[in-house]
PDB file of all heavy atoms in Angstrom:
ATOM      1  N   ARG A   1      46.680  87.562 -29.674  1.00  0.00           N
ATOM      2  CA  ARG A   1      45.255  88.074 -29.394  1.00  0.00           C
ATOM      3  C   ARG A   1      44.693  87.549 -28.016  1.00  0.00           C
ATOM      4  O   ARG A   1      44.214  88.333 -27.325  1.00  0.00           O
ATOM      5  CB  ARG A   1      44.360  87.620 -30.559  1.00  0.00           C
ATOM      6  CG  ARG A   1      42.891  87.953 -30.223  1.00  0.00           C
ATOM      7  CD  ARG A   1      42.081  87.670 -31.491  1.00  0.00           C
ATOM      8  NE  ARG A   1      40.620  87.898 -31.233  1.00  0.00           N
ATOM      9  CZ  ARG A   1      39.638  87.822 -32.123  1.00  0.00           C
ATOM     10  NH1 ARG A   1      39.965  87.481 -33.281  1.00  0.00           N
ATOM     11  NH2 ARG A   1      38.420  88.199 -31.794  1.00  0.00           N
ATOM     12  N   VAL A   2      44.888  86.235 -27.764  1.00  0.00           N
ATOM     13  CA  VAL A   2      44.280  85.593 -26.673  1.00  0.00           C
ATOM     14  C   VAL A   2      44.993  86.217 -25.471  1.00  0.00           C
ATOM     15  O   VAL A   2      44.350  86.310 -24.461  1.00  0.00           O
ATOM     16  CB  VAL A   2      44.448  84.082 -26.705  1.00  0.00           C
ATOM     17  CG1 VAL A   2      44.011  83.388 -25.367  1.00  0.00           C
ATOM     18  CG2 VAL A   2      43.457  83.517 -27.798  1.00  0.00           C
ATOM     19  N   ASN A   3      46.297  86.396 -25.453  1.00  0.00           N
ATOM     20  CA  ASN A   3      47.042  86.840 -24.330  1.00  0.00           C
ATOM     21  C   ASN A   3      47.302  88.405 -24.251  1.00  0.00           C
ATOM     22  O   ASN A   3      47.974  88.834 -23.302  1.00  0.00           O
ATOM     23  CB  ASN A   3      48.386  86.056 -24.317  1.00  0.00           C
ATOM     24  CG  ASN A   3      48.254  84.575 -24.079  1.00  0.00           C
ATOM     25  OD1 ASN A   3      48.014  84.228 -22.954  1.00  0.00           O
ATOM     26  ND2 ASN A   3      48.260  83.805 -25.106  1.00  0.00           N
ATOM     27  N   LYS A   4      46.583  89.160 -25.060  1.00  0.00           N
ATOM     28  CA  LYS A   4      46.617  90.587 -25.115  1.00  0.00           C
ATOM     29  C   LYS A   4      48.046  91.039 -25.045  1.00  0.00           C
ATOM     30  O   LYS A   4      48.422  91.835 -24.298  1.00  0.00           O
ATOM     31  CB  LYS A   4      45.934  91.059 -23.807  1.00  0.00           C
ATOM     32  CG  LYS A   4      45.517  92.537 -24.103  1.00  0.00           C
ATOM     33  CD  LYS A   4      44.588  93.095 -22.894  1.00  0.00           C
ATOM     34  CE  LYS A   4      44.290  94.541 -23.064  1.00  0.00           C
ATOM     35  NZ  LYS A   4      43.509  95.042 -21.948  1.00  0.00           N
ATOM     36  N   LEU A   5      48.849  90.556 -26.078  1.00  0.00           N
ATOM     37  CA  LEU A   5      50.185  90.842 -26.212  1.00  0.00           C
ATOM     38  C   LEU A   5      50.332  91.947 -27.384  1.00  0.00           C
ATOM     39  O   LEU A   5      49.932  91.739 -28.447  1.00  0.00           O
ATOM     40  CB  LEU A   5      51.060  89.707 -26.546  1.00  0.00           C
ATOM     41  CG  LEU A   5      51.022  88.659 -25.532  1.00  0.00           C
ATOM     42  CD1 LEU A   5      51.941  87.435 -26.010  1.00  0.00           C
ATOM     43  CD2 LEU A   5      51.624  89.035 -24.182  1.00  0.00           C
ATOM     44  N   GLY A   6      50.921  93.148 -27.045  1.00  0.00           N
ATOM     45  CA  GLY A   6      51.062  94.199 -28.059  1.00  0.00           C
ATOM     46  C   GLY A   6      52.170  93.991 -28.899  1.00  0.00           C
ATOM     47  O   GLY A   6      52.319  94.660 -30.000  1.00  0.00           O
ATOM     48  N   ASP A   7      53.116  93.109 -28.491  1.00  0.00           N
ATOM     49  CA  ASP A   7      54.363  92.921 -29.313  1.00  0.00           C
ATOM     50  C   ASP A   7      54.748  91.471 -29.129  1.00  0.00           C
ATOM     51  O   ASP A   7      53.959  90.659 -28.517  1.00  0.00           O
ATOM     52  CB  ASP A   7      55.485  93.862 -29.024  1.00  0.00           C
ATOM     53  CG  ASP A   7      55.949  93.881 -27.474  1.00  0.00           C
ATOM     54  OD1 ASP A   7      55.861  92.768 -26.873  1.00  0.00           O
ATOM     55  OD2 ASP A   7      56.195  94.905 -26.953  1.00  0.00           O
ATOM     56  N   ASN A   8      55.938  91.046 -29.652  1.00  0.00           N
ATOM     57  CA  ASN A   8      56.379  89.668 -29.572  1.00  0.00           C
ATOM     58  C   ASN A   8      57.295  89.319 -28.300  1.00  0.00           C
ATOM     59  O   ASN A   8      57.811  88.280 -28.282  1.00  0.00           O
ATOM     60  CB  ASN A   8      57.102  89.255 -30.799  1.00  0.00           C
ATOM     61  CG  ASN A   8      56.276  89.326 -32.003  1.00  0.00           C
ATOM     62  OD1 ASN A   8      55.019  89.337 -31.993  1.00  0.00           O
ATOM     63  ND2 ASN A   8      56.879  89.261 -33.133  1.00  0.00           N
ATOM     64  N   GLN A   9      57.308  90.306 -27.385  1.00  0.00           N
ATOM     65  CA  GLN A   9      58.221  90.123 -26.198  1.00  0.00           C
ATOM     66  C   GLN A   9      57.540  89.278 -25.155  1.00  0.00           C
ATOM     67  O   GLN A   9      56.373  89.533 -24.731  1.00  0.00           O
ATOM     68  CB  GLN A   9      58.502  91.537 -25.578  1.00  0.00           C
ATOM     69  CG  GLN A   9      59.249  92.450 -26.513  1.00  0.00           C
ATOM     70  CD  GLN A   9      60.587  91.902 -27.051  1.00  0.00           C
ATOM     71  OE1 GLN A   9      61.359  91.535 -26.342  1.00  0.00           O
ATOM     72  NE2 GLN A   9      60.707  91.931 -28.347  1.00  0.00           N
ATOM     73  N   ILE A  10      58.293  88.208 -24.697  1.00  0.00           N
ATOM     74  CA  ILE A  10      57.886  87.319 -23.666  1.00  0.00           C
ATOM     75  C   ILE A  10      59.062  87.120 -22.722  1.00  0.00           C
ATOM     76  O   ILE A  10      60.181  87.407 -23.002  1.00  0.00           O
ATOM     77  CB  ILE A  10      57.402  85.977 -24.131  1.00  0.00           C
ATOM     78  CG1 ILE A  10      58.369  85.361 -25.067  1.00  0.00           C
ATOM     79  CG2 ILE A  10      55.955  86.267 -24.745  1.00  0.00           C
ATOM     80  CD1 ILE A  10      57.980  83.928 -25.662  1.00  0.00           C
ATOM     81  N   LYS A  11      58.781  86.672 -21.447  1.00  0.00           N
ATOM     82  CA  LYS A  11      59.876  86.401 -20.527  1.00  0.00           C
ATOM     83  C   LYS A  11      59.691  85.084 -19.971  1.00  0.00           C
ATOM     84  O   LYS A  11      58.627  84.380 -19.783  1.00  0.00           O
ATOM     85  CB  LYS A  11      59.839  87.513 -19.416  1.00  0.00           C
ATOM     86  CG  LYS A  11      58.614  87.579 -18.715  1.00  0.00           C
ATOM     87  CD  LYS A  11      58.528  88.777 -17.735  1.00  0.00           C
ATOM     88  CE  LYS A  11      57.331  88.842 -16.907  1.00  0.00           C
ATOM     89  NZ  LYS A  11      57.288  90.002 -15.998  1.00  0.00           N
ATOM     90  N   VAL A  12      60.833  84.435 -19.476  1.00  0.00           N
ATOM     91  CA  VAL A  12      60.832  83.135 -18.827  1.00  0.00           C
ATOM     92  C   VAL A  12      59.993  83.131 -17.715  1.00  0.00           C
ATOM     93  O   VAL A  12      59.987  84.070 -16.831  1.00  0.00           O
ATOM     94  CB  VAL A  12      62.261  82.793 -18.420  1.00  0.00           C
ATOM     95  CG1 VAL A  12      62.328  81.545 -17.663  1.00  0.00           C
ATOM     96  CG2 VAL A  12      63.244  82.722 -19.763  1.00  0.00           C
ATOM     97  N   GLY A  13      59.142  82.052 -17.626  1.00  0.00           N
ATOM     98  CA  GLY A  13      58.265  81.926 -16.432  1.00  0.00           C
ATOM     99  C   GLY A  13      56.938  82.564 -16.763  1.00  0.00           C
ATOM    100  O   GLY A  13      55.982  82.262 -15.965  1.00  0.00           O
ATOM    101  N   GLN A  14      56.741  83.329 -17.804  1.00  0.00           N
ATOM    102  CA  GLN A  14      55.422  83.838 -18.146  1.00  0.00           C
ATOM    103  C   GLN A  14      54.515  82.833 -18.493  1.00  0.00           C
ATOM    104  O   GLN A  14      54.797  81.824 -19.224  1.00  0.00           O
ATOM    105  CB  GLN A  14      55.595  84.862 -19.240  1.00  0.00           C
ATOM    106  CG  GLN A  14      54.387  85.574 -19.658  1.00  0.00           C
ATOM    107  CD  GLN A  14      54.640  86.627 -20.700  1.00  0.00           C
ATOM    108  OE1 GLN A  14      55.801  86.970 -21.043  1.00  0.00           O
ATOM    109  NE2 GLN A  14      53.552  87.318 -21.256  1.00  0.00           N
ATOM    110  N   ARG A  15      53.210  82.824 -18.181  1.00  0.00           N
ATOM    111  CA  ARG A  15      52.232  81.943 -18.340  1.00  0.00           C
ATOM    112  C   ARG A  15      51.346  82.365 -19.515  1.00  0.00           C
ATOM    113  O   ARG A  15      50.754  83.513 -19.492  1.00  0.00           O
ATOM    114  CB  ARG A  15      51.435  81.471 -17.157  1.00  0.00           C
ATOM    115  CG  ARG A  15      52.243  80.804 -16.105  1.00  0.00           C
ATOM    116  CD  ARG A  15      51.485  80.732 -14.828  1.00  0.00           C
ATOM    117  NE  ARG A  15      50.456  79.941 -14.762  1.00  0.00           N
ATOM    118  CZ  ARG A  15      50.467  78.521 -14.679  1.00  0.00           C
ATOM    119  NH1 ARG A  15      51.541  77.926 -14.420  1.00  0.00           N
ATOM    120  NH2 ARG A  15      49.337  77.848 -14.612  1.00  0.00           N
ATOM    121  N   LEU A  16      51.136  81.644 -20.543  1.00  0.00           N
ATOM    122  CA  LEU A  16      50.392  81.946 -21.666  1.00  0.00           C
ATOM    123  C   LEU A  16      49.270  81.007 -21.898  1.00  0.00           C
ATOM    124  O   LEU A  16      49.463  79.730 -21.765  1.00  0.00           O
ATOM    125  CB  LEU A  16      51.340  81.996 -23.020  1.00  0.00           C
ATOM    126  CG  LEU A  16      52.480  83.039 -22.923  1.00  0.00           C
ATOM    127  CD1 LEU A  16      53.277  82.653 -24.150  1.00  0.00           C
ATOM    128  CD2 LEU A  16      52.020  84.384 -22.855  1.00  0.00           C
ATOM    129  N   THR A  17      48.236  81.362 -22.389  1.00  0.00           N
ATOM    130  CA  THR A  17      47.029  80.541 -22.836  1.00  0.00           C
ATOM    131  C   THR A  17      47.218  80.218 -24.205  1.00  0.00           C
ATOM    132  O   THR A  17      47.281  81.127 -25.131  1.00  0.00           O
ATOM    133  CB  THR A  17      45.696  81.203 -22.548  1.00  0.00           C
ATOM    134  OG1 THR A  17      45.571  81.571 -21.128  1.00  0.00           O
ATOM    135  CG2 THR A  17      44.521  80.259 -22.890  1.00  0.00           C
ATOM    136  N   ILE A  18      47.298  78.933 -24.595  1.00  0.00           N
ATOM    137  CA  ILE A  18      47.750  78.534 -25.940  1.00  0.00           C
ATOM    138  C   ILE A  18      46.644  77.672 -26.532  1.00  0.00           C
ATOM    139  O   ILE A  18      46.324  76.511 -25.973  1.00  0.00           O
ATOM    140  CB  ILE A  18      49.051  77.818 -25.992  1.00  0.00           C
ATOM    141  CG1 ILE A  18      50.132  78.589 -25.409  1.00  0.00           C
ATOM    142  CG2 ILE A  18      49.353  77.495 -27.606  1.00  0.00           C
ATOM    143  CD1 ILE A  18      50.440  79.945 -26.184  1.00  0.00           C
ATOM    144  N   TRP A  19      45.939  78.114 -27.482  1.00  0.00           N
ATOM    145  CA  TRP A  19      44.894  77.214 -28.194  1.00  0.00           C
ATOM    146  C   TRP A  19      45.684  76.111 -29.044  1.00  0.00           C
ATOM    147  O   TRP A  19      46.661  76.338 -29.795  1.00  0.00           O
ATOM    148  CB  TRP A  19      44.036  78.055 -29.213  1.00  0.00           C
ATOM    149  CG  TRP A  19      43.061  77.232 -29.922  1.00  0.00           C
ATOM    150  CD1 TRP A  19      43.089  76.678 -31.122  1.00  0.00           C
ATOM    151  CD2 TRP A  19      41.701  77.172 -29.456  1.00  0.00           C
ATOM    152  NE1 TRP A  19      41.925  76.041 -31.396  1.00  0.00           N
ATOM    153  CE2 TRP A  19      40.899  76.293 -30.350  1.00  0.00           C
ATOM    154  CE3 TRP A  19      40.940  77.521 -28.301  1.00  0.00           C
ATOM    155  CZ2 TRP A  19      39.642  75.943 -30.244  1.00  0.00           C
ATOM    156  CZ3 TRP A  19      39.690  77.142 -28.049  1.00  0.00           C
ATOM    157  CH2 TRP A  19      39.110  76.353 -29.118  1.00  0.00           C
ATOM    158  N   ASN A  20      45.263  74.865 -28.846  1.00  0.00           N
ATOM    159  CA  ASN A  20      46.008  73.806 -29.512  1.00  0.00           C
ATOM    160  C   ASN A  20      45.101  72.808 -30.118  1.00  0.00           C
ATOM    161  O   ASN A  20      45.468  71.589 -30.481  1.00  0.00           O
ATOM    162  CB  ASN A  20      46.931  73.046 -28.547  1.00  0.00           C
ATOM    163  CG  ASN A  20      46.263  72.293 -27.579  1.00  0.00           C
ATOM    164  OD1 ASN A  20      45.070  72.477 -27.299  1.00  0.00           O
ATOM    165  ND2 ASN A  20      46.946  71.539 -26.573  1.00  0.00           N
ATOM    166  N   ALA A  21      43.788  73.095 -30.491  1.00  0.00           N
ATOM    167  CA  ALA A  21      42.882  72.308 -31.148  1.00  0.00           C
ATOM    168  C   ALA A  21      42.814  72.690 -32.537  1.00  0.00           C
ATOM    169  O   ALA A  21      42.760  73.828 -32.928  1.00  0.00           O
ATOM    170  CB  ALA A  21      41.492  72.388 -30.552  1.00  0.00           C
ATOM    171  N   PRO A  22      42.924  71.666 -33.512  1.00  0.00           N
ATOM    172  CA  PRO A  22      42.914  71.978 -35.007  1.00  0.00           C
ATOM    173  C   PRO A  22      41.487  72.388 -35.575  1.00  0.00           C
ATOM    174  O   PRO A  22      40.523  71.861 -35.053  1.00  0.00           O
ATOM    175  CB  PRO A  22      43.328  70.688 -35.643  1.00  0.00           C
ATOM    176  CG  PRO A  22      42.942  69.664 -34.648  1.00  0.00           C
ATOM    177  CD  PRO A  22      43.078  70.218 -33.357  1.00  0.00           C
ATOM    178  N   PHE A  23      41.616  73.403 -36.335  1.00  0.00           N
ATOM    179  CA  PHE A  23      40.446  73.828 -37.061  1.00  0.00           C
ATOM    180  C   PHE A  23      40.406  73.143 -38.432  1.00  0.00           C
ATOM    181  O   PHE A  23      41.481  72.667 -38.929  1.00  0.00           O
ATOM    182  CB  PHE A  23      40.341  75.327 -37.316  1.00  0.00           C
ATOM    183  CG  PHE A  23      40.329  76.156 -36.108  1.00  0.00           C
ATOM    184  CD1 PHE A  23      41.475  76.939 -35.615  1.00  0.00           C
ATOM    185  CD2 PHE A  23      39.182  76.330 -35.294  1.00  0.00           C
ATOM    186  CE1 PHE A  23      41.393  77.584 -34.503  1.00  0.00           C
ATOM    187  CE2 PHE A  23      39.041  77.128 -34.218  1.00  0.00           C
ATOM    188  CZ  PHE A  23      40.190  77.710 -33.755  1.00  0.00           C
ATOM    189  N   THR A  24      39.194  73.119 -39.111  1.00  0.00           N
ATOM    190  CA  THR A  24      39.102  72.765 -40.462  1.00  0.00           C
ATOM    191  C   THR A  24      38.232  73.783 -41.149  1.00  0.00           C
ATOM    192  O   THR A  24      37.370  74.410 -40.535  1.00  0.00           O
ATOM    193  CB  THR A  24      38.548  71.392 -40.728  1.00  0.00           C
ATOM    194  OG1 THR A  24      37.211  71.280 -40.175  1.00  0.00           O
ATOM    195  CG2 THR A  24      39.405  70.273 -40.134  1.00  0.00           C
ATOM    196  N   ILE A  25      38.462  73.936 -42.414  1.00  0.00           N
ATOM    197  CA  ILE A  25      37.682  74.864 -43.267  1.00  0.00           C
ATOM    198  C   ILE A  25      36.875  74.256 -44.280  1.00  0.00           C
ATOM    199  O   ILE A  25      37.303  73.240 -44.962  1.00  0.00           O
ATOM    200  CB  ILE A  25      38.625  75.911 -43.879  1.00  0.00           C
ATOM    201  CG1 ILE A  25      39.357  76.880 -42.982  1.00  0.00           C
ATOM    202  CG2 ILE A  25      37.836  76.796 -45.020  1.00  0.00           C
ATOM    203  CD1 ILE A  25      40.473  77.660 -43.643  1.00  0.00           C
ATOM    204  N   GLU A  26      35.604  74.501 -44.348  1.00  0.00           N
ATOM    205  CA  GLU A  26      34.744  73.901 -45.371  1.00  0.00           C
ATOM    206  C   GLU A  26      34.100  75.015 -46.248  1.00  0.00           C
ATOM    207  O   GLU A  26      33.600  75.990 -45.671  1.00  0.00           O
ATOM    208  CB  GLU A  26      33.733  73.009 -44.737  1.00  0.00           C
ATOM    209  CG  GLU A  26      32.751  72.269 -45.680  1.00  0.00           C
ATOM    210  CD  GLU A  26      31.669  71.537 -45.003  1.00  0.00           C
ATOM    211  OE1 GLU A  26      31.488  71.749 -43.749  1.00  0.00           O
ATOM    212  OE2 GLU A  26      31.128  70.650 -45.624  1.00  0.00           O
ATOM    213  N   ILE A  27      34.247  74.839 -47.522  1.00  0.00           N
ATOM    214  CA  ILE A  27      33.786  75.908 -48.442  1.00  0.00           C
ATOM    215  C   ILE A  27      32.610  75.227 -49.318  1.00  0.00           C
ATOM    216  O   ILE A  27      32.975  74.326 -49.988  1.00  0.00           O
ATOM    217  CB  ILE A  27      34.838  76.487 -49.214  1.00  0.00           C
ATOM    218  CG1 ILE A  27      35.876  77.196 -48.347  1.00  0.00           C
ATOM    219  CG2 ILE A  27      34.365  77.428 -50.358  1.00  0.00           C
ATOM    220  CD1 ILE A  27      37.157  77.407 -49.074  1.00  0.00           C
ATOM    221  N   ILE A  28      31.389  75.741 -49.277  1.00  0.00           N
ATOM    222  CA  ILE A  28      30.344  75.266 -50.096  1.00  0.00           C
ATOM    223  C   ILE A  28      30.197  76.333 -51.385  1.00  0.00           C
ATOM    224  O   ILE A  28      29.688  77.402 -51.172  1.00  0.00           O
ATOM    225  CB  ILE A  28      29.050  75.106 -49.307  1.00  0.00           C
ATOM    226  CG1 ILE A  28      29.323  74.305 -48.077  1.00  0.00           C
ATOM    227  CG2 ILE A  28      27.938  74.499 -50.257  1.00  0.00           C
ATOM    228  CD1 ILE A  28      29.730  72.897 -48.381  1.00  0.00           C
ATOM    229  N   LYS A  29      30.578  75.900 -52.533  1.00  0.00           N
ATOM    230  CA  LYS A  29      30.445  76.802 -53.711  1.00  0.00           C
ATOM    231  C   LYS A  29      29.050  77.238 -54.043  1.00  0.00           C
ATOM    232  O   LYS A  29      28.838  78.338 -54.329  1.00  0.00           O
ATOM    233  CB  LYS A  29      31.153  76.175 -54.894  1.00  0.00           C
ATOM    234  CG  LYS A  29      32.615  75.842 -54.629  1.00  0.00           C
ATOM    235  CD  LYS A  29      33.444  75.674 -56.068  1.00  0.00           C
ATOM    236  CE  LYS A  29      32.856  74.509 -56.819  1.00  0.00           C
ATOM    237  NZ  LYS A  29      33.509  74.313 -58.112  1.00  0.00           N
ATOM    238  N   GLU A  30      28.110  76.269 -53.913  1.00  0.00           N
ATOM    239  CA  GLU A  30      26.735  76.591 -54.333  1.00  0.00           C
ATOM    240  C   GLU A  30      26.184  77.769 -53.493  1.00  0.00           C
ATOM    241  O   GLU A  30      25.350  78.597 -53.888  1.00  0.00           O
ATOM    242  CB  GLU A  30      25.924  75.391 -54.074  1.00  0.00           C
ATOM    243  CG  GLU A  30      24.441  75.509 -54.562  1.00  0.00           C
ATOM    244  CD  GLU A  30      23.646  74.290 -54.392  1.00  0.00           C
ATOM    245  OE1 GLU A  30      24.154  73.296 -53.855  1.00  0.00           O
ATOM    246  OE2 GLU A  30      22.413  74.318 -54.739  1.00  0.00           O
ATOM    247  N   ASP A  31      26.499  77.762 -52.254  1.00  0.00           N
ATOM    248  CA  ASP A  31      26.027  78.834 -51.247  1.00  0.00           C
ATOM    249  C   ASP A  31      27.062  80.003 -51.070  1.00  0.00           C
ATOM    250  O   ASP A  31      26.693  81.030 -50.465  1.00  0.00           O
ATOM    251  CB  ASP A  31      25.843  78.202 -49.842  1.00  0.00           C
ATOM    252  CG  ASP A  31      24.788  77.130 -49.961  1.00  0.00           C
ATOM    253  OD1 ASP A  31      23.872  77.197 -50.750  1.00  0.00           O
ATOM    254  OD2 ASP A  31      24.911  76.304 -49.046  1.00  0.00           O
ATOM    255  N   ASN A  32      28.310  79.823 -51.623  1.00  0.00           N
ATOM    256  CA  ASN A  32      29.234  80.837 -51.412  1.00  0.00           C
ATOM    257  C   ASN A  32      29.359  81.180 -49.964  1.00  0.00           C
ATOM    258  O   ASN A  32      29.361  82.284 -49.475  1.00  0.00           O
ATOM    259  CB  ASN A  32      28.946  82.121 -52.195  1.00  0.00           C
ATOM    260  CG  ASN A  32      29.480  81.978 -53.630  1.00  0.00           C
ATOM    261  OD1 ASN A  32      30.509  81.539 -54.029  1.00  0.00           O
ATOM    262  ND2 ASN A  32      28.527  82.455 -54.628  1.00  0.00           N
ATOM    263  N   ARG A  33      29.654  80.223 -49.156  1.00  0.00           N
ATOM    264  CA  ARG A  33      29.861  80.193 -47.730  1.00  0.00           C
ATOM    265  C   ARG A  33      31.129  79.459 -47.294  1.00  0.00           C
ATOM    266  O   ARG A  33      31.458  78.472 -47.993  1.00  0.00           O
ATOM    267  CB  ARG A  33      28.674  79.686 -46.985  1.00  0.00           C
ATOM    268  CG  ARG A  33      27.373  80.317 -47.184  1.00  0.00           C
ATOM    269  CD  ARG A  33      27.263  81.565 -46.504  1.00  0.00           C
ATOM    270  NE  ARG A  33      25.998  82.306 -46.773  1.00  0.00           N
ATOM    271  CZ  ARG A  33      24.910  82.163 -45.903  1.00  0.00           C
ATOM    272  NH1 ARG A  33      24.992  81.428 -44.761  1.00  0.00           N
ATOM    273  NH2 ARG A  33      23.806  82.853 -46.185  1.00  0.00           N
ATOM    274  N   LEU A  34      31.789  80.009 -46.331  1.00  0.00           N
ATOM    275  CA  LEU A  34      32.943  79.330 -45.741  1.00  0.00           C
ATOM    276  C   LEU A  34      32.657  79.112 -44.228  1.00  0.00           C
ATOM    277  O   LEU A  34      32.225  79.955 -43.543  1.00  0.00           O
ATOM    278  CB  LEU A  34      34.183  80.271 -45.945  1.00  0.00           C
ATOM    279  CG  LEU A  34      35.521  79.705 -45.345  1.00  0.00           C
ATOM    280  CD1 LEU A  34      36.766  80.281 -46.159  1.00  0.00           C
ATOM    281  CD2 LEU A  34      35.725  79.901 -43.861  1.00  0.00           C
ATOM    282  N   TYR A  35      32.882  77.884 -43.854  1.00  0.00           N
ATOM    283  CA  TYR A  35      32.634  77.461 -42.530  1.00  0.00           C
ATOM    284  C   TYR A  35      33.846  77.114 -41.761  1.00  0.00           C
ATOM    285  O   TYR A  35      34.655  76.291 -42.181  1.00  0.00           O
ATOM    286  CB  TYR A  35      31.648  76.218 -42.504  1.00  0.00           C
ATOM    287  CG  TYR A  35      30.366  76.439 -43.168  1.00  0.00           C
ATOM    288  CD1 TYR A  35      30.182  76.200 -44.505  1.00  0.00           C
ATOM    289  CD2 TYR A  35      29.245  77.134 -42.577  1.00  0.00           C
ATOM    290  CE1 TYR A  35      29.038  76.488 -45.188  1.00  0.00           C
ATOM    291  CE2 TYR A  35      28.078  77.335 -43.182  1.00  0.00           C
ATOM    292  CZ  TYR A  35      28.009  76.992 -44.435  1.00  0.00           C
ATOM    293  OH  TYR A  35      26.749  77.249 -45.072  1.00  0.00           O
ATOM    294  N   LEU A  36      34.159  77.667 -40.653  1.00  0.00           N
ATOM    295  CA  LEU A  36      35.263  77.355 -39.832  1.00  0.00           C
ATOM    296  C   LEU A  36      34.763  76.284 -38.749  1.00  0.00           C
ATOM    297  O   LEU A  36      33.734  76.620 -38.045  1.00  0.00           O
ATOM    298  CB  LEU A  36      35.725  78.587 -38.992  1.00  0.00           C
ATOM    299  CG  LEU A  36      36.935  78.428 -38.104  1.00  0.00           C
ATOM    300  CD1 LEU A  36      38.124  77.862 -38.840  1.00  0.00           C
ATOM    301  CD2 LEU A  36      37.151  79.635 -37.273  1.00  0.00           C
ATOM    302  N   ASN A  37      35.263  75.109 -38.861  1.00  0.00           N
ATOM    303  CA  ASN A  37      34.761  74.044 -37.953  1.00  0.00           C
ATOM    304  C   ASN A  37      35.807  73.631 -36.932  1.00  0.00           C
ATOM    305  O   ASN A  37      37.017  73.649 -37.095  1.00  0.00           O
ATOM    306  CB  ASN A  37      34.528  72.807 -38.869  1.00  0.00           C
ATOM    307  CG  ASN A  37      33.393  73.136 -39.886  1.00  0.00           C
ATOM    308  OD1 ASN A  37      32.452  73.949 -39.638  1.00  0.00           O
ATOM    309  ND2 ASN A  37      33.417  72.385 -41.032  1.00  0.00           N
ATOM    310  N   LEU A  38      35.297  73.115 -35.809  1.00  0.00           N
ATOM    311  CA  LEU A  38      35.970  72.658 -34.689  1.00  0.00           C
ATOM    312  C   LEU A  38      35.274  71.354 -34.168  1.00  0.00           C
ATOM    313  O   LEU A  38      34.108  71.400 -33.972  1.00  0.00           O
ATOM    314  CB  LEU A  38      36.056  73.676 -33.548  1.00  0.00           C
ATOM    315  CG  LEU A  38      36.683  73.265 -32.203  1.00  0.00           C
ATOM    316  CD1 LEU A  38      38.158  72.894 -32.409  1.00  0.00           C
ATOM    317  CD2 LEU A  38      36.492  74.327 -31.161  1.00  0.00           C
ATOM    318  N   ASP A  39      36.006  70.199 -34.166  1.00  0.00           N
ATOM    319  CA  ASP A  39      35.407  69.046 -33.673  1.00  0.00           C
ATOM    320  C   ASP A  39      34.255  68.632 -34.665  1.00  0.00           C
ATOM    321  O   ASP A  39      33.199  68.041 -33.992  1.00  0.00           O
ATOM    322  CB  ASP A  39      34.963  69.086 -32.301  1.00  0.00           C
ATOM    323  CG  ASP A  39      36.158  69.236 -31.293  1.00  0.00           C
ATOM    324  OD1 ASP A  39      37.281  69.068 -31.742  1.00  0.00           O
ATOM    325  OD2 ASP A  39      35.925  69.594 -30.118  1.00  0.00           O
ATOM    326  N   GLY A  40      34.271  69.026 -35.870  1.00  0.00           N
ATOM    327  CA  GLY A  40      33.250  68.707 -36.824  1.00  0.00           C
ATOM    328  C   GLY A  40      31.954  69.597 -36.649  1.00  0.00           C
ATOM    329  O   GLY A  40      31.000  69.376 -37.338  1.00  0.00           O
ATOM    330  N   THR A  41      32.116  70.625 -35.931  1.00  0.00           N
ATOM    331  CA  THR A  41      30.998  71.539 -35.732  1.00  0.00           C
ATOM    332  C   THR A  41      31.421  72.907 -36.077  1.00  0.00           C
ATOM    333  O   THR A  41      32.466  73.511 -35.791  1.00  0.00           O
ATOM    334  CB  THR A  41      30.559  71.582 -34.199  1.00  0.00           C
ATOM    335  OG1 THR A  41      30.279  70.294 -33.830  1.00  0.00           O
ATOM    336  CG2 THR A  41      29.412  72.583 -33.921  1.00  0.00           C
TER     337      THR A  41
END
């Protein structure tokens, strides 16, 4: 998605933007909400 690739084909030397920060998921049952968190935010 980030690199706008229509298929899985890549070539040597190609430069790709790669997300490498971990997400966490928080689910609050009382509110029936799911939160996608990054760096605690």
